[in-house]
Amino acid sequence: MVAEQESTGVAGPWLVANAALDLSSQPAGGYDLEVKAWQEGDAGALLRVARFSIGWEQSTWLVDPVDAEDLVHFLLSGDEEHHFARLQPGEREQYLDQYWSQRDPSPDTAENEAKQAFFSRVEHANKNFGGLGVERGMFSDMGRVYIRYGEPGEILKQVIPRATRRWRTCCSRSR
């Protein structure tokens, strides 16, 4: 229960009311707004419930929900990912805040190094591994590996030699 407000009014066929609640001290997450109304002499109250979301970070409201789901694909298990997809924006913010705070290697500092490293890897993958039918580098095989495991310890580059003229001649179809 965050707040409760009672009022009295003249009985009638319509309920018209205003309620103002200060939610600025509430954390990000999902909440239920419950309105219960009745008149004296009524057998029961009229009850209406609506779900709403509080999110304090600008990215909570500006990020495309599909993009958010693409990012958590690298972080969560299949069941967790399915659960995340059903959350409202404020609930997603709360979920990710808890996720990153549990993985913060130095919680006494202002920065979360694990979160910062993850988003740095995503940015690097998108910048360096895109193209050839892959819109964003994070969806390429190299991008996925880079995001999950970080900078490789060793990079091996091989050049595949071109076919020689002799090979083309002996192996080409005759007319």
Protein backbone atom coordinates (compact mmCIF):
# COMPACT_ATOMS: atom_id res chain seq x y z
CA MET A 1 0.00 0.00 0.00
CA VAL A 2 1.55 3.28 -1.12
CA ALA A 3 -1.31 5.65 -0.37
CA GLU A 4 -4.97 5.68 0.55
CA GLN A 5 -7.49 8.46 0.09
CA GLU A 6 -11.06 8.64 1.33
CA SER A 7 -13.72 11.16 0.45
CA THR A 8 -17.41 11.66 0.70
CA GLY A 9 -19.71 12.94 -1.96
CA VAL A 10 -23.31 13.17 -2.94
CA ALA A 11 -24.84 9.86 -4.01
CA GLY A 12 -25.66 9.58 -7.69
CA PRO A 13 -25.40 7.44 -10.82
CA TRP A 14 -21.87 8.69 -11.69
CA LEU A 15 -18.64 8.88 -9.73
CA VAL A 16 -16.48 11.88 -10.54
CA ALA A 17 -13.33 12.27 -8.46
CA ASN A 18 -9.73 13.38 -8.64
CA ALA A 19 -6.87 11.81 -6.76
CA ALA A 20 -3.30 13.04 -6.56
CA LEU A 21 -0.60 10.75 -5.26
CA ASP A 22 3.08 11.61 -4.81
CA LEU A 23 4.97 8.59 -6.15
CA SER A 24 8.35 10.31 -6.45
CA SER A 25 9.81 8.30 -3.59
CA GLN A 26 8.71 4.95 -5.01
CA PRO A 27 11.26 2.73 -6.77
CA ALA A 28 10.94 1.66 -10.40
CA GLY A 29 8.55 -1.21 -10.91
CA GLY A 30 4.98 -2.22 -11.60
CA TYR A 31 2.12 -1.12 -9.39
CA ASP A 32 -1.64 -1.66 -9.17
CA LEU A 33 -4.01 1.28 -8.85
CA GLU A 34 -7.12 0.09 -7.03
CA VAL A 35 -10.25 2.23 -6.91
CA LYS A 36 -13.07 1.14 -4.64
CA ALA A 37 -16.31 3.15 -4.60
CA TRP A 38 -19.62 2.67 -2.88
CA GLN A 39 -22.59 4.61 -1.66
CA GLU A 40 -24.24 4.30 1.70
CA GLY A 41 -26.73 1.53 1.56
CA ASP A 42 -25.00 -0.34 -1.32
CA ALA A 43 -24.65 -4.07 -0.83
CA GLY A 44 -21.07 -4.08 -2.15
CA ALA A 45 -18.39 -1.80 -3.44
CA LEU A 46 -17.47 -1.22 -7.07
CA LEU A 47 -13.82 -2.22 -7.49
CA ARG A 48 -11.57 -1.39 -10.43
CA VAL A 49 -7.86 -2.25 -10.70
CA ALA A 50 -5.41 -0.96 -13.31
CA ARG A 51 -1.71 -1.81 -13.65
CA PHE A 52 0.79 0.99 -14.20
CA SER A 53 4.53 1.32 -14.34
CA ILE A 54 7.09 3.65 -12.80
CA GLY A 55 10.47 4.00 -14.46
CA TRP A 56 12.99 6.67 -13.59
CA GLU A 57 15.64 6.16 -16.26
CA GLN A 58 15.05 7.90 -19.57
CA SER A 59 16.08 4.79 -21.49
CA THR A 60 13.20 2.87 -19.86
CA TRP A 61 10.72 4.85 -21.94
CA LEU A 62 12.78 5.61 -25.06
CA VAL A 63 14.20 2.20 -25.91
CA ASP A 64 12.25 0.01 -28.31
CA PRO A 65 11.00 -3.03 -26.31
CA VAL A 66 12.35 -5.35 -29.04
CA ASP A 67 15.82 -3.78 -28.70
CA ALA A 68 15.68 -4.31 -24.93
CA GLU A 69 14.79 -7.97 -25.48
CA ASP A 70 17.67 -8.32 -27.96
CA LEU A 71 20.12 -7.13 -25.31
CA VAL A 72 18.85 -9.35 -22.51
CA HIS A 73 19.15 -12.34 -24.85
CA PHE A 74 22.87 -12.23 -24.01
CA LEU A 75 22.23 -11.99 -20.28
CA LEU A 76 19.30 -14.21 -19.36
CA SER A 77 18.29 -17.85 -19.66
CA GLY A 78 15.38 -18.78 -21.93
CA ASP A 79 12.83 -18.81 -19.10
CA GLU A 80 14.11 -15.51 -17.69
CA GLU A 81 14.01 -13.98 -21.16
CA HIS A 82 10.39 -15.09 -21.63
CA HIS A 83 9.48 -13.58 -18.23
CA PHE A 84 11.30 -10.32 -19.09
CA ALA A 85 9.36 -9.97 -22.36
CA ARG A 86 6.07 -9.86 -20.41
CA LEU A 87 7.15 -7.10 -18.02
CA GLN A 88 6.07 -3.46 -18.23
CA PRO A 89 8.77 -0.78 -18.75
CA GLY A 90 9.17 0.09 -15.07
CA GLU A 91 9.28 -3.58 -14.13
CA ARG A 92 11.98 -4.13 -16.75
CA GLU A 93 13.99 -1.27 -15.25
CA GLN A 94 13.65 -2.78 -11.78
CA TYR A 95 14.58 -6.27 -13.05
CA LEU A 96 17.71 -5.01 -14.82
CA ASP A 97 18.71 -2.86 -11.84
CA GLN A 98 18.62 -5.97 -9.65
CA TYR A 99 20.41 -8.04 -12.31
CA TRP A 100 23.31 -5.59 -12.60
CA SER A 101 23.57 -4.85 -8.87
CA GLN A 102 24.04 -8.59 -8.20
CA ARG A 103 26.93 -8.64 -10.70
CA ASP A 104 28.64 -5.42 -9.68
CA PRO A 105 32.25 -6.34 -8.81
CA SER A 106 32.66 -3.22 -6.64
CA PRO A 107 29.27 -2.16 -5.27
CA ASP A 108 30.79 0.65 -3.20
CA THR A 109 31.65 2.65 -6.33
CA ALA A 110 29.29 4.72 -8.47
CA GLU A 111 30.04 2.74 -11.63
CA ASN A 112 29.00 -0.83 -12.31
CA GLU A 113 32.04 -2.18 -14.14
CA ALA A 114 30.25 -5.35 -15.32
CA LYS A 115 27.39 -3.36 -16.86
CA GLN A 116 29.82 -0.89 -18.43
CA ALA A 117 31.92 -3.74 -19.92
CA PHE A 118 28.82 -5.42 -21.36
CA PHE A 119 27.55 -2.29 -23.13
CA SER A 120 31.07 -1.52 -24.35
CA ARG A 121 31.25 -5.01 -25.91
CA VAL A 122 27.84 -4.57 -27.55
CA GLU A 123 28.93 -1.24 -29.01
CA HIS A 124 32.20 -2.75 -30.29
CA ALA A 125 30.39 -5.73 -31.83
CA ASN A 126 27.85 -3.50 -33.58
CA LYS A 127 30.60 -1.27 -34.92
CA ASN A 128 33.03 -3.98 -36.07
CA PHE A 129 31.10 -7.13 -36.90
CA GLY A 130 28.08 -5.89 -38.89
CA GLY A 131 27.48 -6.20 -42.60
CA LEU A 132 26.96 -9.10 -45.00
CA GLY A 133 23.28 -9.50 -44.27
CA VAL A 134 23.60 -8.80 -40.53
CA GLU A 135 22.05 -5.46 -39.60
CA ARG A 136 23.86 -5.14 -36.29
CA GLY A 137 27.15 -6.80 -35.42
CA MET A 138 25.79 -8.14 -32.15
CA PHE A 139 23.79 -10.68 -34.20
CA SER A 140 26.80 -12.03 -36.10
CA ASP A 141 28.61 -15.11 -34.80
CA MET A 142 31.76 -13.08 -34.10
CA GLY A 143 29.69 -10.40 -32.36
CA ARG A 144 27.93 -12.89 -30.11
CA VAL A 145 31.19 -14.53 -29.10
CA TYR A 146 32.79 -11.13 -28.46
CA ILE A 147 29.88 -9.96 -26.29
CA ARG A 148 29.80 -13.14 -24.21
CA TYR A 149 33.54 -13.68 -23.75
CA GLY A 150 35.24 -10.35 -24.45
CA GLU A 151 38.50 -9.58 -26.20
CA PRO A 152 40.13 -12.72 -27.63
CA GLY A 153 43.52 -13.78 -26.28
CA GLU A 154 44.79 -14.48 -29.78
CA ILE A 155 43.67 -13.57 -33.28
CA LEU A 156 44.63 -15.85 -36.16
CA LYS A 157 44.20 -14.57 -39.68
CA GLN A 158 44.57 -16.91 -42.63
CA VAL A 159 44.64 -16.09 -46.28
CA ILE A 160 43.04 -18.64 -48.55
CA PRO A 161 45.04 -18.78 -51.79
CA ARG A 162 43.32 -18.11 -55.08
CA ALA A 163 42.83 -20.99 -57.46
CA THR A 164 45.58 -21.30 -60.05
CA ARG A 165 44.99 -21.11 -63.79
CA ARG A 166 45.93 -24.78 -64.20
CA TRP A 167 43.23 -25.84 -61.70
CA ARG A 168 40.61 -23.77 -63.50
CA THR A 169 41.54 -25.33 -66.82
CA CYS A 170 41.54 -28.93 -65.70
CA CYS A 171 38.40 -28.69 -63.63
CA SER A 172 36.19 -26.45 -65.76
CA ARG A 173 33.41 -27.88 -67.86
CA SER A 174 34.15 -28.48 -71.49
CA ARG A 175 31.91 -26.98 -74.07
